[in-house]
Amino acid sequence: MELNRRSLLAAIGAGTAAALTGCGTGTGTSAAGSADGPAEGEITLLTPIYEGAKGKKLLEGDILGGFRKKYPDVKVNVDYTTYDQLNEKITTGLAGGLLPDVLMMGVGWIPPFAAKGAIAELPEKLAETHDYEKRVLEPSRHDGKLYALPVVLDTRIVVYRKDHFAEAGIRKTPTNWSELRAVAKQLTTKGRVGFDPFSINLRQCWETFLFANGGQLFSADGKKPLFTDARGVESLQFFKDLVADGSADYSRKTDTGAPSNVQTGQGSMMMTTSALWVQVKEQNPELIEQDKLGAFVLANRRPAMLQGGTLVSQSASSKHPAAARALVEWLATPESILGAAQQRGSVPGLRDLSDTPYVKENQFVDLSLKNLQHAVSEGGTAAWMEIREKIVPTLEPAIVGDQSAKDAIAELGRLAEAAIGRM
């Protein structure tokens, strides 16, 4: 799989224009505002969200049902995929000149695909259509231009068991890593880890710690890795220290969708997302009813909350750009966003939705919205799609093996520099 992806990236690097031309661009969409004309024709939406039967019903019945009423001359075909397969699918489509008309992709993905000419610039006025939080729009831009609109956010926060804290006599949540390590030790007992940072993706977890330590991934122009300094090393070393203390265990991480260690009582704190609230409501509603769960934003040199999520963009090669643009705007309306957020337990990035019953009921979403000033996004370089896949296999040996944190970070830095150099 890796070799296929690498060869595809190499193939489209210099030949993107040819691939796009081969697909046919209709009226063209390379410049903002070029999707004028009636919204009509048959288009395809590629999406990694709206999972399962409920998600499909929400998208095709409710969200697209409203879209069809407003745009009866547009037919939308939906291509469902997963985030694990999304990059490969987009890259393959780009190489073959057969990109879907509308693409939903992750935070950090816009610069790589905008740099390749795969997605169309959007009119800046769309950034002002709704009351977006400023940080929410940052991942939608490349070189200062707007290429996507946010649909849902997925923040990384720390969730903890209030009852475990009370039993241990701990009266406040940690405000820095020294306190976090001490509390984790205090909460660790036979059969229970004090802190589980590993049940979310290691890439996302390490990035959250890096940002909380005052570090950055890349320079502002995206051409230099900055995570190779002491703050990046310290962030990885902290995981090693937790494991050495016995208060974290990489082998005890849980799979996505399975009851988490915090739910089962085998962990007192964990890094997670706001979606855990929905999972707990379905699997262990008593934890919410009995007010046993709390949450806080990770902090060390600064508070930091990783902001991931899903954005919607328009293919630069769509033969029906007006229809594609209309769908992009529709999927980013407050009504569409709220439906997607409720289904996934995600954070809606609109101030318009901050007082909705959904936000007020999901305490993890409410916490995230109140702390968006501390949100930091991953990515920031056109080489991100290659670099992101190397983070976990490069850092993991420092946690489960004998490699030092310094050596692992240095190796990741070399891989990042090489990837950036190939752009």
Protein backbone atom coordinates (compact mmCIF):
# COMPACT_ATOMS: atom_id res chain seq x y z
CA MET A 1 0.00 0.00 0.00
CA GLU A 2 2.78 2.44 0.90
CA LEU A 3 4.65 1.78 -2.35
CA ASN A 4 1.49 2.30 -4.37
CA ARG A 5 0.78 5.59 -2.64
CA ARG A 6 4.34 6.78 -3.07
CA SER A 7 4.36 5.96 -6.76
CA LEU A 8 1.03 7.70 -7.24
CA LEU A 9 2.26 10.81 -5.50
CA ALA A 10 5.38 10.81 -7.62
CA ALA A 11 3.35 10.33 -10.78
CA ILE A 12 1.06 13.26 -10.12
CA GLY A 13 3.68 15.61 -8.71
CA ALA A 14 4.65 17.30 -12.00
CA GLY A 15 1.75 16.03 -14.07
CA THR A 16 -1.22 17.23 -12.09
CA ALA A 17 -2.22 19.74 -14.73
CA ALA A 18 -2.25 17.05 -17.39
CA ALA A 19 -4.32 14.74 -15.21
CA LEU A 20 -6.86 17.46 -14.55
CA THR A 21 -7.02 18.42 -18.21
CA GLY A 22 -7.61 14.80 -19.13
CA CYS A 23 -10.64 14.72 -16.86
CA GLY A 24 -12.21 17.76 -18.48
CA THR A 25 -12.90 20.90 -16.49
CA GLY A 26 -16.14 22.13 -17.99
CA THR A 27 -16.35 25.83 -17.26
CA GLY A 28 -13.20 25.67 -15.13
CA THR A 29 -12.83 26.18 -11.39
CA SER A 30 -9.25 27.27 -10.81
CA ALA A 31 -10.21 30.77 -9.64
CA ALA A 32 -12.59 31.86 -6.92
CA GLY A 33 -16.08 32.69 -8.18
CA SER A 34 -15.75 30.59 -11.36
CA ALA A 35 -18.76 28.39 -10.57
CA ASP A 36 -21.34 30.78 -11.98
CA GLY A 37 -24.39 29.53 -13.85
CA PRO A 38 -27.26 27.22 -12.97
CA ALA A 39 -26.69 24.36 -10.54
CA GLU A 40 -27.48 21.30 -12.60
CA GLY A 41 -26.05 17.95 -13.62
CA GLU A 42 -24.96 14.72 -11.98
CA ILE A 43 -22.17 15.00 -9.40
CA THR A 44 -20.43 12.74 -6.91
CA LEU A 45 -19.68 13.37 -3.23
CA LEU A 46 -16.79 11.51 -1.59
CA THR A 47 -17.14 11.36 2.18
CA PRO A 48 -15.41 9.56 5.08
CA ILE A 49 -18.16 10.50 7.55
CA TYR A 50 -21.88 9.71 7.89
CA GLU A 51 -20.93 6.16 8.84
CA GLY A 52 -23.32 3.25 9.08
CA ALA A 53 -27.04 3.04 8.42
CA LYS A 54 -27.83 6.04 10.65
CA GLY A 55 -25.23 8.18 8.94
CA LYS A 56 -26.44 7.20 5.49
CA LYS A 57 -30.03 8.01 6.44
CA LEU A 58 -28.95 11.38 7.83
CA LEU A 59 -26.98 12.31 4.72
CA GLU A 60 -29.12 10.89 1.93
CA GLY A 61 -32.48 11.37 3.60
CA ASP A 62 -32.27 14.55 5.64
CA ILE A 63 -29.32 16.61 4.40
CA LEU A 64 -29.44 15.75 0.71
CA GLY A 65 -33.23 15.63 0.85
CA GLY A 66 -33.25 19.35 1.56
CA PHE A 67 -30.58 19.93 -1.08
CA ARG A 68 -32.69 18.16 -3.74
CA LYS A 69 -35.67 20.38 -2.96
CA LYS A 70 -33.59 23.52 -3.47
CA TYR A 71 -31.64 22.17 -6.46
CA PRO A 72 -33.98 19.75 -8.27
CA ASP A 73 -31.76 19.70 -11.36
CA VAL A 74 -28.77 18.27 -9.47
CA LYS A 75 -28.35 14.56 -8.85
CA VAL A 76 -25.87 13.61 -6.11
CA ASN A 77 -24.21 10.21 -6.00
CA VAL A 78 -22.49 9.42 -2.71
CA ASP A 79 -19.21 7.52 -2.52
CA TYR A 80 -18.66 6.39 1.08
CA THR A 81 -15.16 5.59 2.31
CA THR A 82 -13.18 5.67 5.55
CA TYR A 83 -10.41 7.98 6.66
CA ASP A 84 -8.00 5.04 6.38
CA GLN A 85 -8.80 4.75 2.67
CA LEU A 86 -9.55 8.39 1.85
CA ASN A 87 -6.04 9.56 0.93
CA GLU A 88 -5.50 6.59 -1.36
CA LYS A 89 -8.86 7.15 -3.02
CA ILE A 90 -8.28 10.85 -3.68
CA THR A 91 -4.72 10.28 -4.88
CA THR A 92 -5.81 7.50 -7.24
CA GLY A 93 -8.63 9.66 -8.60
CA LEU A 94 -6.28 12.58 -9.11
CA ALA A 95 -3.75 10.45 -10.97
CA GLY A 96 -6.46 9.03 -13.20
CA GLY A 97 -8.24 12.34 -13.79
CA LEU A 98 -11.44 11.09 -12.17
CA LEU A 99 -11.85 13.05 -8.95
CA PRO A 100 -15.31 13.29 -7.36
CA ASP A 101 -16.93 16.70 -7.73
CA VAL A 102 -17.12 17.33 -3.97
CA LEU A 103 -14.60 15.95 -1.51
CA MET A 104 -14.71 15.80 2.26
CA MET A 105 -11.27 15.55 3.84
CA GLY A 106 -9.41 16.04 7.08
CA VAL A 107 -7.77 18.99 8.79
CA GLY A 108 -4.25 19.35 7.43
CA TRP A 109 -5.23 17.96 4.04
CA ILE A 110 -6.03 21.24 2.27
CA PRO A 111 -2.46 22.48 1.59
CA PRO A 112 -1.32 19.20 -0.02
CA PHE A 113 -4.29 18.91 -2.35
CA ALA A 114 -4.55 22.64 -3.07
CA ALA A 115 -0.84 22.65 -3.98
CA LYS A 116 -1.50 19.79 -6.42
CA GLY A 117 -4.34 21.69 -8.07
CA ALA A 118 -6.87 19.06 -7.03
CA ILE A 119 -9.35 21.37 -5.31
CA ALA A 120 -10.79 24.71 -6.36
CA GLU A 121 -10.34 28.01 -4.59
CA LEU A 122 -13.59 29.19 -3.02
CA PRO A 123 -14.82 32.80 -2.89
CA GLU A 124 -13.66 34.52 0.28
CA LYS A 125 -17.21 35.68 0.92
CA LEU A 126 -18.09 32.11 1.95
CA ALA A 127 -15.88 32.55 5.01
CA GLU A 128 -18.26 35.25 6.16
CA THR A 129 -21.53 33.47 5.39
CA HIS A 130 -21.71 32.01 8.89
CA ASP A 131 -20.23 33.03 12.23
CA TYR A 132 -17.13 30.84 12.21
CA GLU A 133 -14.59 30.84 14.97
CA LYS A 134 -11.37 32.22 13.47
CA ARG A 135 -9.26 29.15 14.28
CA VAL A 136 -11.88 26.92 12.71
CA LEU A 137 -11.26 28.43 9.28
CA GLU A 138 -7.46 28.32 9.41
CA PRO A 139 -7.19 24.69 8.18
CA SER A 140 -9.42 25.58 5.23
CA ARG A 141 -6.81 27.89 3.73
CA HIS A 142 -3.63 27.51 1.69
CA ASP A 143 -1.38 30.47 0.88
CA GLY A 144 -4.03 32.72 2.35
CA LYS A 145 -6.76 31.53 0.00
CA LEU A 146 -9.94 29.67 0.95
CA TYR A 147 -10.28 26.12 -0.39
CA ALA A 148 -12.75 24.45 1.96
CA LEU A 149 -15.43 25.00 4.55
CA PRO A 150 -15.53 23.27 7.95
CA VAL A 151 -18.23 20.71 8.62
CA VAL A 152 -17.37 19.17 12.01
CA LEU A 153 -14.44 19.40 14.40
CA ASP A 154 -12.92 16.61 16.45
CA THR A 155 -10.98 17.97 19.41
CA ARG A 156 -8.58 16.06 21.68
CA ILE A 157 -9.21 16.54 25.39
CA VAL A 158 -8.57 14.67 28.64
CA VAL A 159 -11.54 12.85 30.15
CA TYR A 160 -11.34 11.60 33.74
CA ARG A 161 -13.33 9.69 36.33
CA LYS A 162 -14.60 12.06 38.98
CA ASP A 163 -15.25 9.18 41.36
CA HIS A 164 -11.63 7.98 41.09
CA PHE A 165 -10.39 11.49 41.84
CA ALA A 166 -12.68 11.73 44.87
CA GLU A 167 -11.60 8.34 46.22
CA ALA A 168 -7.95 9.39 45.95
CA GLY A 169 -8.62 12.77 47.57
CA ILE A 170 -7.65 14.68 44.42
CA ARG A 171 -9.57 17.93 44.36
CA LYS A 172 -8.48 19.58 41.11
CA THR A 173 -7.44 18.57 37.63
CA PRO A 174 -3.75 18.82 36.61
CA THR A 175 -2.60 22.15 35.17
CA ASN A 176 0.81 21.00 33.92
CA TRP A 177 2.72 17.81 33.17
CA SER A 178 4.34 17.60 36.56
CA GLU A 179 0.91 17.56 38.19
CA LEU A 180 -0.42 15.18 35.54
CA ARG A 181 2.36 12.68 36.16
CA ALA A 182 1.90 12.88 39.93
CA VAL A 183 -1.87 12.43 39.70
CA ALA A 184 -1.46 9.54 37.27
CA LYS A 185 0.85 7.78 39.74
CA GLN A 186 -1.58 8.39 42.58
CA LEU A 187 -4.51 6.99 40.63
CA THR A 188 -2.72 3.88 39.40
CA THR A 189 -3.71 0.71 41.23
CA LYS A 190 -3.60 -2.99 40.48
CA GLY A 191 -5.64 -3.46 37.32
CA ARG A 192 -6.01 0.27 36.66
CA VAL A 193 -3.78 2.77 34.85
CA GLY A 194 -3.83 6.34 36.04
CA PHE A 195 -3.62 7.74 32.53
CA ASP A 196 -4.33 6.29 29.09
CA PRO A 197 -2.87 8.53 26.37
CA PHE A 198 -2.62 5.73 23.82
CA SER A 199 -6.21 4.79 22.97
CA ILE A 200 -6.36 7.60 20.44
CA ASN A 201 -4.02 7.75 17.46
CA LEU A 202 -0.42 8.18 18.61
CA ARG A 203 0.12 10.90 16.01
CA GLN A 204 -2.75 12.97 17.37
CA CYS A 205 -1.77 12.34 20.97
CA TRP A 206 1.87 13.34 20.51
CA GLU A 207 0.83 16.45 18.58
CA THR A 208 -1.48 17.52 21.40
CA PHE A 209 1.36 17.16 23.89
CA LEU A 210 3.72 18.99 21.51
CA PHE A 211 1.33 21.94 21.25
CA ALA A 212 0.75 21.97 25.02
CA ASN A 213 4.52 22.09 25.45
CA GLY A 214 4.66 25.23 23.34
CA GLY A 215 5.97 23.45 20.26
CA GLN A 216 5.04 23.64 16.59
CA LEU A 217 5.01 21.15 13.76
CA PHE A 218 6.31 23.34 10.92
CA SER A 219 7.43 26.85 10.06
CA ALA A 220 4.80 29.30 8.82
CA ASP A 221 5.74 28.64 5.19
CA GLY A 222 5.54 24.86 5.73
CA LYS A 223 9.08 24.30 4.52
CA LYS A 224 10.85 23.45 7.77
CA PRO A 225 10.04 20.98 10.58
CA LEU A 226 10.06 22.66 13.99
CA PHE A 227 9.07 19.66 16.11
CA THR A 228 12.67 18.45 16.27
CA ASP A 229 13.56 20.87 19.06
CA ALA A 230 13.57 20.07 22.78
CA ARG A 231 9.82 20.58 23.05
CA GLY A 232 9.10 17.82 20.57
CA VAL A 233 11.51 15.46 22.32
CA GLU A 234 10.08 16.29 25.75
CA SER A 235 6.58 15.51 24.49
CA LEU A 236 7.58 12.00 23.43
CA GLN A 237 9.74 11.49 26.51
CA PHE A 238 6.72 12.21 28.71
CA PHE A 239 5.03 9.09 27.33
CA LYS A 240 8.12 7.05 28.13
CA ASP A 241 8.13 8.45 31.66
CA LEU A 242 4.49 7.52 32.20
CA VAL A 243 5.18 3.98 31.06
CA ALA A 244 8.26 3.79 33.30
CA ASP A 245 6.13 4.93 36.25
CA GLY A 246 3.62 2.17 35.53
CA SER A 247 0.82 4.70 35.23
CA ALA A 248 0.38 4.19 31.46
CA ASP A 249 0.55 1.02 29.39
CA TYR A 250 0.74 1.02 25.59
CA SER A 251 -0.46 -2.58 25.43
CA ARG A 252 -3.72 -1.71 27.21
CA LYS A 253 -5.02 0.77 24.67
CA THR A 254 -8.56 0.09 23.46
CA ASP A 255 -9.88 -0.03 19.91
CA THR A 256 -12.13 2.66 18.45
CA GLY A 257 -15.74 1.96 19.37
CA ALA A 258 -14.88 -0.53 22.12
CA PRO A 259 -15.60 0.47 25.74
CA SER A 260 -12.69 2.66 26.79
CA ASN A 261 -10.57 2.16 29.89
CA VAL A 262 -12.29 5.11 31.52
CA GLN A 263 -15.69 3.51 30.86
CA THR A 264 -14.69 0.14 32.29
CA GLY A 265 -12.89 1.67 35.27
CA GLN A 266 -9.52 0.29 34.13
CA GLY A 267 -8.27 3.83 33.57
CA SER A 268 -8.78 7.04 35.52
CA MET A 269 -7.82 9.54 32.79
CA MET A 270 -7.50 9.28 29.03
CA MET A 271 -6.85 11.35 25.93
CA THR A 272 -9.94 11.21 23.75
CA THR A 273 -12.39 13.21 21.67
CA SER A 274 -15.79 14.72 22.30
CA ALA A 275 -17.28 11.69 20.53
CA LEU A 276 -16.69 9.65 23.68
CA TRP A 277 -19.78 11.31 25.18
CA VAL A 278 -22.03 9.70 22.56
CA GLN A 279 -20.31 6.35 23.02
CA VAL A 280 -20.78 6.48 26.78
CA LYS A 281 -24.45 7.40 26.40
CA GLU A 282 -24.94 4.25 24.34
CA GLN A 283 -22.72 1.86 26.30
CA ASN A 284 -22.59 3.16 29.89
CA PRO A 285 -25.28 5.84 30.36
CA GLU A 286 -25.05 5.46 34.14
CA LEU A 287 -21.66 7.19 34.09
CA ILE A 288 -23.33 10.31 32.75
CA GLU A 289 -26.45 9.99 34.86
CA GLN A 290 -24.30 9.66 38.01
CA ASP A 291 -22.00 12.51 36.94
CA LYS A 292 -18.86 10.36 37.06
CA LEU A 293 -17.12 11.88 34.04
CA GLY A 294 -15.30 15.17 33.74
CA ALA A 295 -12.97 16.69 31.16
CA PHE A 296 -10.18 19.26 30.91
CA VAL A 297 -7.81 20.71 28.34
CA LEU A 298 -4.23 19.43 28.41
CA ALA A 299 -1.73 22.07 29.49
CA ASN A 300 1.96 22.49 30.24
CA ARG A 301 3.65 25.61 28.90
CA ARG A 302 0.24 26.52 27.48
CA PRO A 303 -3.23 24.96 27.24
CA ALA A 304 -3.65 23.14 23.93
CA MET A 305 -6.41 21.21 22.25
CA LEU A 306 -5.73 19.47 18.96
CA GLN A 307 -8.35 20.46 16.41
CA GLY A 308 -9.04 17.81 13.81
CA GLY A 309 -12.22 17.39 11.85
CA THR A 310 -13.78 17.18 8.42
CA LEU A 311 -13.83 19.88 5.75
CA VAL A 312 -15.71 20.01 2.46
CA SER A 313 -14.09 21.16 -0.78
CA GLN A 314 -14.85 21.40 -4.49
CA SER A 315 -12.89 19.46 -7.10
CA ALA A 316 -11.00 21.67 -9.53
CA SER A 317 -11.94 19.29 -12.33
CA SER A 318 -15.71 19.13 -11.85
CA LYS A 319 -17.71 19.25 -15.09
CA HIS A 320 -20.58 20.80 -13.11
CA PRO A 321 -18.85 23.42 -10.93
CA ALA A 322 -22.02 25.33 -10.08
CA ALA A 323 -23.67 22.18 -8.77
CA ALA A 324 -20.53 21.20 -6.88
CA ARG A 325 -20.23 24.66 -5.32
CA ALA A 326 -23.88 24.56 -4.27
CA LEU A 327 -23.35 21.23 -2.51
CA VAL A 328 -20.21 22.49 -0.74
CA GLU A 329 -22.18 25.42 0.61
CA TRP A 330 -25.13 23.22 1.57
CA LEU A 331 -23.00 20.77 3.55
CA ALA A 332 -21.57 23.71 5.50
CA THR A 333 -24.90 25.21 6.55
CA PRO A 334 -25.71 25.25 10.29
CA GLU A 335 -28.46 22.67 9.80
CA SER A 336 -26.20 20.23 7.95
CA ILE A 337 -23.35 20.79 10.40
CA LEU A 338 -25.55 20.22 13.44
CA GLY A 339 -26.87 16.95 12.02
CA ALA A 340 -23.38 15.66 11.27
CA ALA A 341 -22.09 16.74 14.69
CA GLN A 342 -24.93 15.04 16.56
CA GLN A 343 -24.44 11.80 14.67
CA ARG A 344 -20.70 11.68 15.38
CA GLY A 345 -20.52 13.46 18.73
CA SER A 346 -18.36 16.11 17.07
CA VAL A 347 -17.95 19.83 17.66
CA PRO A 348 -19.82 22.29 15.41
CA GLY A 349 -17.48 25.17 14.65
CA LEU A 350 -20.15 27.84 14.41
CA ARG A 351 -20.99 30.33 17.12
CA ASP A 352 -24.58 30.09 15.83
CA LEU A 353 -24.77 26.57 17.26
CA SER A 354 -23.06 27.12 20.62
CA ASP A 355 -26.37 27.47 22.49
CA THR A 356 -28.15 24.49 20.93
CA PRO A 357 -29.46 21.70 23.19
CA TYR A 358 -26.97 19.30 21.59
CA VAL A 359 -23.97 21.39 22.64
CA LYS A 360 -25.29 22.01 26.13
CA GLU A 361 -26.04 18.32 26.70
CA ASN A 362 -22.68 17.01 25.42
CA GLN A 363 -20.32 18.33 28.08
CA PHE A 364 -17.22 17.40 26.06
CA VAL A 365 -18.45 19.41 23.07
CA ASP A 366 -19.33 22.32 25.33
CA LEU A 367 -15.85 22.28 26.87
CA SER A 368 -14.28 22.20 23.41
CA LEU A 369 -16.27 25.16 22.13
CA LYS A 370 -15.39 27.20 25.20
CA ASN A 371 -11.70 26.49 24.61
CA LEU A 372 -11.37 26.98 20.86
CA GLN A 373 -8.90 29.79 21.55
CA HIS A 374 -6.53 27.02 22.60
CA ALA A 375 -7.16 24.88 19.52
CA VAL A 376 -4.24 24.03 17.24
CA SER A 377 -4.46 22.13 13.97
CA GLU A 378 -2.15 19.51 12.57
CA GLY A 379 -0.61 19.83 9.11
CA GLY A 380 0.74 23.09 7.76
CA THR A 381 2.86 21.81 4.87
CA ALA A 382 2.10 20.64 1.35
CA ALA A 383 4.03 17.45 2.21
CA TRP A 384 1.70 16.59 5.07
CA MET A 385 0.03 13.56 3.49
CA GLU A 386 3.37 11.76 3.27
CA ILE A 387 4.67 12.93 6.63
CA ARG A 388 1.51 12.09 8.62
CA GLU A 389 1.76 8.41 7.70
CA LYS A 390 5.30 8.18 9.02
CA ILE A 391 4.67 9.64 12.47
CA VAL A 392 3.24 6.60 14.25
CA PRO A 393 5.71 3.97 12.93
CA THR A 394 8.61 6.33 13.64
CA LEU A 395 7.62 7.29 17.19
CA GLU A 396 6.20 3.96 18.34
CA PRO A 397 9.63 2.25 18.82
CA ALA A 398 10.51 4.87 21.42
CA ILE A 399 7.49 3.83 23.50
CA VAL A 400 7.44 0.07 23.07
CA GLY A 401 11.18 -0.44 22.52
CA ASP A 402 14.56 0.88 23.57
CA GLN A 403 14.90 3.77 21.14
CA SER A 404 15.38 7.14 22.79
CA ALA A 405 12.86 9.92 22.34
CA LYS A 406 15.61 12.14 20.93
CA ASP A 407 16.57 9.61 18.25
CA ALA A 408 12.96 8.94 17.24
CA ILE A 409 12.19 12.65 16.86
CA ALA A 410 15.41 13.19 14.91
CA GLU A 411 14.49 10.36 12.53
CA LEU A 412 11.02 11.81 12.03
CA GLY A 413 12.62 15.17 11.32
CA ARG A 414 14.83 13.65 8.61
CA LEU A 415 11.84 11.96 7.01
CA ALA A 416 9.86 15.23 7.08
CA GLU A 417 12.71 17.20 5.54
CA ALA A 418 13.02 14.64 2.76
CA ALA A 419 9.28 14.75 2.06
CA ILE A 420 9.25 18.55 1.96
CA GLY A 421 12.28 18.52 -0.31
CA ARG A 422 10.41 16.41 -2.85
CA MET A 423 7.54 18.88 -3.14
